[in-house]
Amino acid sequence: MSFEKLDLHPIYNKSAQIESELNGILNNAHKKKLDFIEIIPGKGSGQLKEKVLRFFNQKDIRLKYSRLDVDNKNFGRIFVYFNWNKLK
């Protein structure tokens, strides 16, 4: 299984950079046809996690992945899955 991980801890307070990094890993996933990406917003107050979830809920972004899961065992992880047979 091919995947990449993005840890947002180092840039948690840099809103523009966070969105840029999320776009970057999503574009990279498309280029490399990754099975999934793992985003680590951390546990903190939950604000960063909500920002990440809002990003992935944007209409144009939702078209770029198949499924999004929040790790039930670790509050600070989000998985974004790709099914390349169904995606454009």
PDB file of N, CA and C in Angstrom:
ATOM      1  N   MET A   1       0.829  -1.181   0.000  1.00  0.00           N
ATOM      2  CA  MET A   1       0.000   0.000   0.000  1.00  0.00           C
ATOM      3  C   MET A   1       0.874   1.245   0.000  1.00  0.00           C
ATOM      4  N   SER A   2       0.557   2.155  -0.875  1.00  0.00           N
ATOM      5  CA  SER A   2       1.347   3.383  -0.943  1.00  0.00           C
ATOM      6  C   SER A   2       0.590   4.533  -0.277  1.00  0.00           C
ATOM      7  N   PHE A   3       1.315   5.259   0.553  1.00  0.00           N
ATOM      8  CA  PHE A   3       0.702   6.397   1.235  1.00  0.00           C
ATOM      9  C   PHE A   3       1.778   7.400   1.617  1.00  0.00           C
ATOM     10  N   GLU A   4       1.307   8.591   1.968  1.00  0.00           N
ATOM     11  CA  GLU A   4       2.182   9.631   2.508  1.00  0.00           C
ATOM     12  C   GLU A   4       1.519  10.209   3.742  1.00  0.00           C
ATOM     13  N   LYS A   5       2.349  10.786   4.597  1.00  0.00           N
ATOM     14  CA  LYS A   5       1.883  11.349   5.853  1.00  0.00           C
ATOM     15  C   LYS A   5       2.230  12.836   5.892  1.00  0.00           C
ATOM     16  N   LEU A   6       1.305  13.629   6.406  1.00  0.00           N
ATOM     17  CA  LEU A   6       1.530  15.055   6.593  1.00  0.00           C
ATOM     18  C   LEU A   6       1.273  15.395   8.056  1.00  0.00           C
ATOM     19  N   ASP A   7       2.307  15.799   8.761  1.00  0.00           N
ATOM     20  CA  ASP A   7       2.205  16.200  10.163  1.00  0.00           C
ATOM     21  C   ASP A   7       2.098  17.719  10.213  1.00  0.00           C
ATOM     22  N   LEU A   8       0.984  18.204  10.712  1.00  0.00           N
ATOM     23  CA  LEU A   8       0.745  19.651  10.748  1.00  0.00           C
ATOM     24  C   LEU A   8       1.209  20.318  12.047  1.00  0.00           C
ATOM     25  N   HIS A   9       1.759  19.550  12.970  1.00  0.00           N
ATOM     26  CA  HIS A   9       2.230  20.128  14.234  1.00  0.00           C
ATOM     27  C   HIS A   9       3.169  21.330  14.049  1.00  0.00           C
ATOM     28  N   PRO A  10       4.162  21.224  13.177  1.00  0.00           N
ATOM     29  CA  PRO A  10       5.118  22.335  13.063  1.00  0.00           C
ATOM     30  C   PRO A  10       4.511  23.643  12.520  1.00  0.00           C
ATOM     31  N   ILE A  11       3.363  23.560  11.851  1.00  0.00           N
ATOM     32  CA  ILE A  11       2.788  24.770  11.248  1.00  0.00           C
ATOM     33  C   ILE A  11       1.364  25.035  11.739  1.00  0.00           C
ATOM     34  N   TYR A  12       1.020  24.523  12.912  1.00  0.00           N
ATOM     35  CA  TYR A  12      -0.353  24.576  13.419  1.00  0.00           C
ATOM     36  C   TYR A  12      -0.965  25.982  13.433  1.00  0.00           C
ATOM     37  N   ASN A  13      -0.149  27.013  13.526  1.00  0.00           N
ATOM     38  CA  ASN A  13      -0.655  28.383  13.628  1.00  0.00           C
ATOM     39  C   ASN A  13      -0.431  29.204  12.362  1.00  0.00           C
ATOM     40  N   LYS A  14      -0.155  28.550  11.240  1.00  0.00           N
ATOM     41  CA  LYS A  14       0.100  29.250   9.974  1.00  0.00           C
ATOM     42  C   LYS A  14      -0.950  28.828   8.954  1.00  0.00           C
ATOM     43  N   SER A  15      -2.087  29.477   9.018  1.00  0.00           N
ATOM     44  CA  SER A  15      -3.269  29.085   8.253  1.00  0.00           C
ATOM     45  C   SER A  15      -3.021  28.929   6.753  1.00  0.00           C
ATOM     46  N   ALA A  16      -2.375  29.910   6.141  1.00  0.00           N
ATOM     47  CA  ALA A  16      -2.129  29.851   4.692  1.00  0.00           C
ATOM     48  C   ALA A  16      -1.210  28.683   4.340  1.00  0.00           C
ATOM     49  N   GLN A  17      -0.216  28.438   5.167  1.00  0.00           N
ATOM     50  CA  GLN A  17       0.719  27.341   4.905  1.00  0.00           C
ATOM     51  C   GLN A  17       0.028  25.985   5.072  1.00  0.00           C
ATOM     52  N   ILE A  18      -0.900  25.898   6.005  1.00  0.00           N
ATOM     53  CA  ILE A  18      -1.633  24.645   6.218  1.00  0.00           C
ATOM     54  C   ILE A  18      -2.407  24.292   4.952  1.00  0.00           C
ATOM     55  N   GLU A  19      -3.145  25.239   4.423  1.00  0.00           N
ATOM     56  CA  GLU A  19      -3.917  24.983   3.204  1.00  0.00           C
ATOM     57  C   GLU A  19      -3.000  24.630   2.034  1.00  0.00           C
ATOM     58  N   SER A  20      -1.869  25.299   1.940  1.00  0.00           N
ATOM     59  CA  SER A  20      -0.904  25.002   0.885  1.00  0.00           C
ATOM     60  C   SER A  20      -0.378  23.574   1.014  1.00  0.00           C
ATOM     61  N   GLU A  21      -0.059  23.152   2.239  1.00  0.00           N
ATOM     62  CA  GLU A  21       0.439  21.794   2.479  1.00  0.00           C
ATOM     63  C   GLU A  21      -0.629  20.751   2.167  1.00  0.00           C
ATOM     64  N   LEU A  22      -1.880  21.040   2.541  1.00  0.00           N
ATOM     65  CA  LEU A  22      -2.967  20.103   2.239  1.00  0.00           C
ATOM     66  C   LEU A  22      -3.169  19.963   0.739  1.00  0.00           C
ATOM     67  N   ASN A  23      -3.144  21.082   0.027  1.00  0.00           N
ATOM     68  CA  ASN A  23      -3.238  21.022  -1.441  1.00  0.00           C
ATOM     69  C   ASN A  23      -2.062  20.255  -2.028  1.00  0.00           C
ATOM     70  N   GLY A  24      -0.878  20.481  -1.480  1.00  0.00           N
ATOM     71  CA  GLY A  24       0.324  19.829  -1.974  1.00  0.00           C
ATOM     72  C   GLY A  24       0.279  18.319  -1.832  1.00  0.00           C
ATOM     73  N   ILE A  25      -0.124  17.841  -0.657  1.00  0.00           N
ATOM     74  CA  ILE A  25      -0.159  16.390  -0.463  1.00  0.00           C
ATOM     75  C   ILE A  25      -1.281  15.754  -1.285  1.00  0.00           C
ATOM     76  N   LEU A  26      -2.369  16.482  -1.470  1.00  0.00           N
ATOM     77  CA  LEU A  26      -3.460  15.975  -2.305  1.00  0.00           C
ATOM     78  C   LEU A  26      -3.020  15.875  -3.764  1.00  0.00           C
ATOM     79  N   ASN A  27      -2.330  16.892  -4.255  1.00  0.00           N
ATOM     80  CA  ASN A  27      -1.808  16.859  -5.628  1.00  0.00           C
ATOM     81  C   ASN A  27      -0.770  15.754  -5.797  1.00  0.00           C
ATOM     82  N   ASN A  28       0.074  15.573  -4.798  1.00  0.00           N
ATOM     83  CA  ASN A  28       1.084  14.523  -4.833  1.00  0.00           C
ATOM     84  C   ASN A  28       0.432  13.139  -4.858  1.00  0.00           C
ATOM     85  N   ALA A  29      -0.634  12.984  -4.093  1.00  0.00           N
ATOM     86  CA  ALA A  29      -1.373  11.711  -4.081  1.00  0.00           C
ATOM     87  C   ALA A  29      -1.906  11.390  -5.471  1.00  0.00           C
ATOM     88  N   HIS A  30      -2.364  12.420  -6.173  1.00  0.00           N
ATOM     89  CA  HIS A  30      -2.875  12.217  -7.531  1.00  0.00           C
ATOM     90  C   HIS A  30      -1.750  11.874  -8.496  1.00  0.00           C
ATOM     91  N   LYS A  31      -0.630  12.552  -8.372  1.00  0.00           N
ATOM     92  CA  LYS A  31       0.498  12.278  -9.267  1.00  0.00           C
ATOM     93  C   LYS A  31       1.022  10.858  -9.088  1.00  0.00           C
ATOM     94  N   LYS A  32       1.136  10.433  -7.830  1.00  0.00           N
ATOM     95  CA  LYS A  32       1.720   9.128  -7.513  1.00  0.00           C
ATOM     96  C   LYS A  32       0.681   8.009  -7.419  1.00  0.00           C
ATOM     97  N   LYS A  33      -0.606   8.367  -7.555  1.00  0.00           N
ATOM     98  CA  LYS A  33      -1.697   7.389  -7.422  1.00  0.00           C
ATOM     99  C   LYS A  33      -1.591   6.639  -6.080  1.00  0.00           C
ATOM    100  N   LEU A  34      -1.447   7.403  -5.002  1.00  0.00           N
ATOM    101  CA  LEU A  34      -1.337   6.822  -3.672  1.00  0.00           C
ATOM    102  C   LEU A  34      -2.651   6.170  -3.261  1.00  0.00           C
ATOM    103  N   ASP A  35      -2.578   5.167  -2.402  1.00  0.00           N
ATOM    104  CA  ASP A  35      -3.780   4.520  -1.882  1.00  0.00           C
ATOM    105  C   ASP A  35      -4.484   5.413  -0.861  1.00  0.00           C
ATOM    106  N   PHE A  36      -3.689   6.095  -0.051  1.00  0.00           N
ATOM    107  CA  PHE A  36      -4.268   7.006   0.929  1.00  0.00           C
ATOM    108  C   PHE A  36      -3.207   7.973   1.432  1.00  0.00           C
ATOM    109  N   ILE A  37      -3.684   9.024   2.112  1.00  0.00           N
ATOM    110  CA  ILE A  37      -2.793   9.947   2.800  1.00  0.00           C
ATOM    111  C   ILE A  37      -3.252  10.015   4.264  1.00  0.00           C
ATOM    112  N   GLU A  38      -2.302  10.248   5.138  1.00  0.00           N
ATOM    113  CA  GLU A  38      -2.585  10.383   6.558  1.00  0.00           C
ATOM    114  C   GLU A  38      -2.242  11.809   6.965  1.00  0.00           C
ATOM    115  N   ILE A  39      -3.215  12.488   7.526  1.00  0.00           N
ATOM    116  CA  ILE A  39      -3.020  13.859   7.997  1.00  0.00           C
ATOM    117  C   ILE A  39      -3.011  13.814   9.525  1.00  0.00           C
ATOM    118  N   ILE A  40      -2.002  14.451  10.128  1.00  0.00           N
ATOM    119  CA  ILE A  40      -1.896  14.479  11.585  1.00  0.00           C
ATOM    120  C   ILE A  40      -2.034  15.926  12.069  1.00  0.00           C
ATOM    121  N   PRO A  41      -3.262  16.308  12.447  1.00  0.00           N
ATOM    122  CA  PRO A  41      -3.447  17.644  13.000  1.00  0.00           C
ATOM    123  C   PRO A  41      -3.124  17.688  14.492  1.00  0.00           C
ATOM    124  N   GLY A  42      -3.016  16.541  15.117  1.00  0.00           N
ATOM    125  CA  GLY A  42      -2.730  16.490  16.544  1.00  0.00           C
ATOM    126  C   GLY A  42      -4.001  16.537  17.373  1.00  0.00           C
ATOM    127  N   LYS A  43      -3.834  16.370  18.654  1.00  0.00           N
ATOM    128  CA  LYS A  43      -4.998  16.261  19.540  1.00  0.00           C
ATOM    129  C   LYS A  43      -5.450  17.621  20.061  1.00  0.00           C
ATOM    130  N   GLY A  44      -4.597  18.447  20.496  1.00  0.00           N
ATOM    131  CA  GLY A  44      -4.869  19.819  20.940  1.00  0.00           C
ATOM    132  C   GLY A  44      -6.316  20.153  21.234  1.00  0.00           C
ATOM    133  N   SER A  45      -6.731  21.345  20.828  1.00  0.00           N
ATOM    134  CA  SER A  45      -8.089  21.820  21.101  1.00  0.00           C
ATOM    135  C   SER A  45      -9.089  21.330  20.061  1.00  0.00           C
ATOM    136  N   GLY A  46      -8.602  20.792  18.979  1.00  0.00           N
ATOM    137  CA  GLY A  46      -9.495  20.305  17.921  1.00  0.00           C
ATOM    138  C   GLY A  46      -9.715  21.312  16.809  1.00  0.00           C
ATOM    139  N   GLN A  47      -9.232  22.546  16.973  1.00  0.00           N
ATOM    140  CA  GLN A  47      -9.437  23.575  15.951  1.00  0.00           C
ATOM    141  C   GLN A  47      -8.723  23.242  14.654  1.00  0.00           C
ATOM    142  N   LEU A  48      -7.510  22.736  14.740  1.00  0.00           N
ATOM    143  CA  LEU A  48      -6.750  22.395  13.535  1.00  0.00           C
ATOM    144  C   LEU A  48      -7.412  21.223  12.806  1.00  0.00           C
ATOM    145  N   LYS A  49      -7.877  20.252  13.564  1.00  0.00           N
ATOM    146  CA  LYS A  49      -8.569  19.113  12.971  1.00  0.00           C
ATOM    147  C   LYS A  49      -9.823  19.599  12.230  1.00  0.00           C
ATOM    148  N   GLU A  50     -10.567  20.491  12.833  1.00  0.00           N
ATOM    149  CA  GLU A  50     -11.769  21.034  12.185  1.00  0.00           C
ATOM    150  C   GLU A  50     -11.410  21.789  10.911  1.00  0.00           C
ATOM    151  N   LYS A  51     -10.304  22.509  10.932  1.00  0.00           N
ATOM    152  CA  LYS A  51      -9.850  23.225   9.735  1.00  0.00           C
ATOM    153  C   LYS A  51      -9.540  22.234   8.611  1.00  0.00           C
ATOM    154  N   VAL A  52      -8.870  21.129   8.957  1.00  0.00           N
ATOM    155  CA  VAL A  52      -8.538  20.104   7.962  1.00  0.00           C
ATOM    156  C   VAL A  52      -9.818  19.483   7.407  1.00  0.00           C
ATOM    157  N   LEU A  53     -10.768  19.162   8.280  1.00  0.00           N
ATOM    158  CA  LEU A  53     -12.029  18.568   7.834  1.00  0.00           C
ATOM    159  C   LEU A  53     -12.816  19.533   6.950  1.00  0.00           C
ATOM    160  N   ARG A  54     -12.805  20.824   7.274  1.00  0.00           N
ATOM    161  CA  ARG A  54     -13.468  21.832   6.424  1.00  0.00           C
ATOM    162  C   ARG A  54     -12.807  21.888   5.054  1.00  0.00           C
ATOM    163  N   PHE A  55     -11.473  21.813   5.019  1.00  0.00           N
ATOM    164  CA  PHE A  55     -10.748  21.817   3.750  1.00  0.00           C
ATOM    165  C   PHE A  55     -11.211  20.651   2.887  1.00  0.00           C
ATOM    166  N   PHE A  56     -11.243  19.459   3.454  1.00  0.00           N
ATOM    167  CA  PHE A  56     -11.615  18.275   2.679  1.00  0.00           C
ATOM    168  C   PHE A  56     -13.104  18.205   2.372  1.00  0.00           C
ATOM    169  N   ASN A  57     -13.910  19.015   3.026  1.00  0.00           N
ATOM    170  CA  ASN A  57     -15.346  19.051   2.736  1.00  0.00           C
ATOM    171  C   ASN A  57     -15.721  20.061   1.659  1.00  0.00           C
ATOM    172  N   GLN A  58     -14.772  20.827   1.181  1.00  0.00           N
ATOM    173  CA  GLN A  58     -15.056  21.766   0.101  1.00  0.00           C
ATOM    174  C   GLN A  58     -15.496  20.974  -1.136  1.00  0.00           C
ATOM    175  N   LYS A  59     -16.485  21.498  -1.833  1.00  0.00           N
ATOM    176  CA  LYS A  59     -17.078  20.785  -2.965  1.00  0.00           C
ATOM    177  C   LYS A  59     -16.034  20.332  -3.992  1.00  0.00           C
ATOM    178  N   ASP A  60     -15.134  21.211  -4.394  1.00  0.00           N
ATOM    179  CA  ASP A  60     -14.135  20.863  -5.410  1.00  0.00           C
ATOM    180  C   ASP A  60     -13.096  19.877  -4.888  1.00  0.00           C
ATOM    181  N   ILE A  61     -12.814  19.905  -3.585  1.00  0.00           N
ATOM    182  CA  ILE A  61     -11.845  18.983  -2.990  1.00  0.00           C
ATOM    183  C   ILE A  61     -12.469  17.599  -2.828  1.00  0.00           C
ATOM    184  N   ARG A  62     -13.745  17.532  -2.460  1.00  0.00           N
ATOM    185  CA  ARG A  62     -14.420  16.237  -2.278  1.00  0.00           C
ATOM    186  C   ARG A  62     -14.369  15.377  -3.534  1.00  0.00           C
ATOM    187  N   LEU A  63     -14.293  15.996  -4.683  1.00  0.00           N
ATOM    188  CA  LEU A  63     -14.232  15.260  -5.951  1.00  0.00           C
ATOM    189  C   LEU A  63     -12.889  14.569  -6.155  1.00  0.00           C
ATOM    190  N   LYS A  64     -11.891  14.925  -5.361  1.00  0.00           N
ATOM    191  CA  LYS A  64     -10.530  14.424  -5.562  1.00  0.00           C
ATOM    192  C   LYS A  64     -10.181  13.206  -4.713  1.00  0.00           C
ATOM    193  N   TYR A  65     -11.098  12.755  -3.876  1.00  0.00           N
ATOM    194  CA  TYR A  65     -10.833  11.569  -3.054  1.00  0.00           C
ATOM    195  C   TYR A  65     -12.104  10.740  -2.940  1.00  0.00           C
ATOM    196  N   SER A  66     -11.929   9.504  -2.486  1.00  0.00           N
ATOM    197  CA  SER A  66     -13.060   8.585  -2.397  1.00  0.00           C
ATOM    198  C   SER A  66     -13.711   8.554  -1.015  1.00  0.00           C
ATOM    199  N   ARG A  67     -12.878   8.582   0.021  1.00  0.00           N
ATOM    200  CA  ARG A  67     -13.393   8.430   1.374  1.00  0.00           C
ATOM    201  C   ARG A  67     -12.467   9.118   2.369  1.00  0.00           C
ATOM    202  N   LEU A  68     -13.058   9.648   3.416  1.00  0.00           N
ATOM    203  CA  LEU A  68     -12.305  10.289   4.487  1.00  0.00           C
ATOM    204  C   LEU A  68     -12.710   9.629   5.797  1.00  0.00           C
ATOM    205  N   ASP A  69     -11.731   9.211   6.589  1.00  0.00           N
ATOM    206  CA  ASP A  69     -12.002   8.589   7.891  1.00  0.00           C
ATOM    207  C   ASP A  69     -11.222   9.303   8.976  1.00  0.00           C
ATOM    208  N   VAL A  70     -11.873   9.484  10.103  1.00  0.00           N
ATOM    209  CA  VAL A  70     -11.223   9.996  11.296  1.00  0.00           C
ATOM    210  C   VAL A  70     -10.897   8.777  12.151  1.00  0.00           C
ATOM    211  N   ASP A  71      -9.669   8.662  12.584  1.00  0.00           N
ATOM    212  CA  ASP A  71      -9.231   7.519  13.378  1.00  0.00           C
ATOM    213  C   ASP A  71      -9.945   7.532  14.732  1.00  0.00           C
ATOM    214  N   ASN A  72     -10.743   6.496  14.988  1.00  0.00           N
ATOM    215  CA  ASN A  72     -11.481   6.402  16.254  1.00  0.00           C
ATOM    216  C   ASN A  72     -10.570   6.100  17.435  1.00  0.00           C
ATOM    217  N   LYS A  73      -9.429   5.496  17.167  1.00  0.00           N
ATOM    218  CA  LYS A  73      -8.506   5.128  18.241  1.00  0.00           C
ATOM    219  C   LYS A  73      -7.516   6.239  18.566  1.00  0.00           C
ATOM    220  N   ASN A  74      -7.320   7.156  17.609  1.00  0.00           N
ATOM    221  CA  ASN A  74      -6.376   8.254  17.804  1.00  0.00           C
ATOM    222  C   ASN A  74      -7.019   9.523  17.270  1.00  0.00           C
ATOM    223  N   PHE A  75      -7.529  10.359  18.148  1.00  0.00           N
ATOM    224  CA  PHE A  75      -8.253  11.574  17.790  1.00  0.00           C
ATOM    225  C   PHE A  75      -7.463  12.470  16.831  1.00  0.00           C
ATOM    226  N   GLY A  76      -6.151  12.374  16.843  1.00  0.00           N
ATOM    227  CA  GLY A  76      -5.306  13.283  16.084  1.00  0.00           C
ATOM    228  C   GLY A  76      -4.899  12.795  14.704  1.00  0.00           C
ATOM    229  N   ARG A  77      -5.665  11.865  14.082  1.00  0.00           N
ATOM    230  CA  ARG A  77      -5.305  11.379  12.746  1.00  0.00           C
ATOM    231  C   ARG A  77      -6.528  11.348  11.837  1.00  0.00           C
ATOM    232  N   ILE A  78      -6.299  11.730  10.582  1.00  0.00           N
ATOM    233  CA  ILE A  78      -7.333  11.693   9.552  1.00  0.00           C
ATOM    234  C   ILE A  78      -6.750  10.962   8.360  1.00  0.00           C
ATOM    235  N   PHE A  79      -7.534  10.051   7.788  1.00  0.00           N
ATOM    236  CA  PHE A  79      -7.109   9.303   6.610  1.00  0.00           C
ATOM    237  C   PHE A  79      -7.977   9.690   5.427  1.00  0.00           C
ATOM    238  N   VAL A  80      -7.329   9.920   4.286  1.00  0.00           N
ATOM    239  CA  VAL A  80      -8.025  10.252   3.044  1.00  0.00           C
ATOM    240  C   VAL A  80      -7.670   9.167   2.041  1.00  0.00           C
ATOM    241  N   TYR A  81      -8.690   8.468   1.552  1.00  0.00           N
ATOM    242  CA  TYR A  81      -8.491   7.321   0.664  1.00  0.00           C
ATOM    243  C   TYR A  81      -8.861   7.660  -0.778  1.00  0.00           C
ATOM    244  N   PHE A  82      -8.197   6.961  -1.686  1.00  0.00           N
ATOM    245  CA  PHE A  82      -8.420   7.169  -3.120  1.00  0.00           C
ATOM    246  C   PHE A  82      -8.765   5.839  -3.782  1.00  0.00           C
ATOM    247  N   ASN A  83      -9.805   5.848  -4.589  1.00  0.00           N
ATOM    248  CA  ASN A  83     -10.143   4.688  -5.419  1.00  0.00           C
ATOM    249  C   ASN A  83      -9.993   5.168  -6.852  1.00  0.00           C
ATOM    250  N   TRP A  84      -8.854   4.889  -7.440  1.00  0.00           N
ATOM    251  CA  TRP A  84      -8.504   5.460  -8.748  1.00  0.00           C
ATOM    252  C   TRP A  84      -9.398   4.952  -9.869  1.00  0.00           C
ATOM    253  N   ASN A  85     -10.084   3.850  -9.662  1.00  0.00           N
ATOM    254  CA  ASN A  85     -10.999   3.342 -10.688  1.00  0.00           C
ATOM    255  C   ASN A  85     -12.260   4.204 -10.783  1.00  0.00           C
ATOM    256  N   LYS A  86     -12.587   4.906  -9.689  1.00  0.00           N
ATOM    257  CA  LYS A  86     -13.801   5.725  -9.657  1.00  0.00           C
ATOM    258  C   LYS A  86     -13.523   7.218  -9.755  1.00  0.00           C
ATOM    259  N   LEU A  87     -12.284   7.625  -9.554  1.00  0.00           N
ATOM    260  CA  LEU A  87     -11.942   9.052  -9.606  1.00  0.00           C
ATOM    261  C   LEU A  87     -11.510   9.450 -11.008  1.00  0.00           C
ATOM    262  N   LYS A  88     -11.708  10.721 -11.303  1.00  0.00           N
ATOM    263  CA  LYS A  88     -11.283  11.246 -12.604  1.00  0.00           C
ATOM    264  C   LYS A  88      -9.832  11.621 -12.567  1.00  0.00           C
TER     265      LYS A  88
END
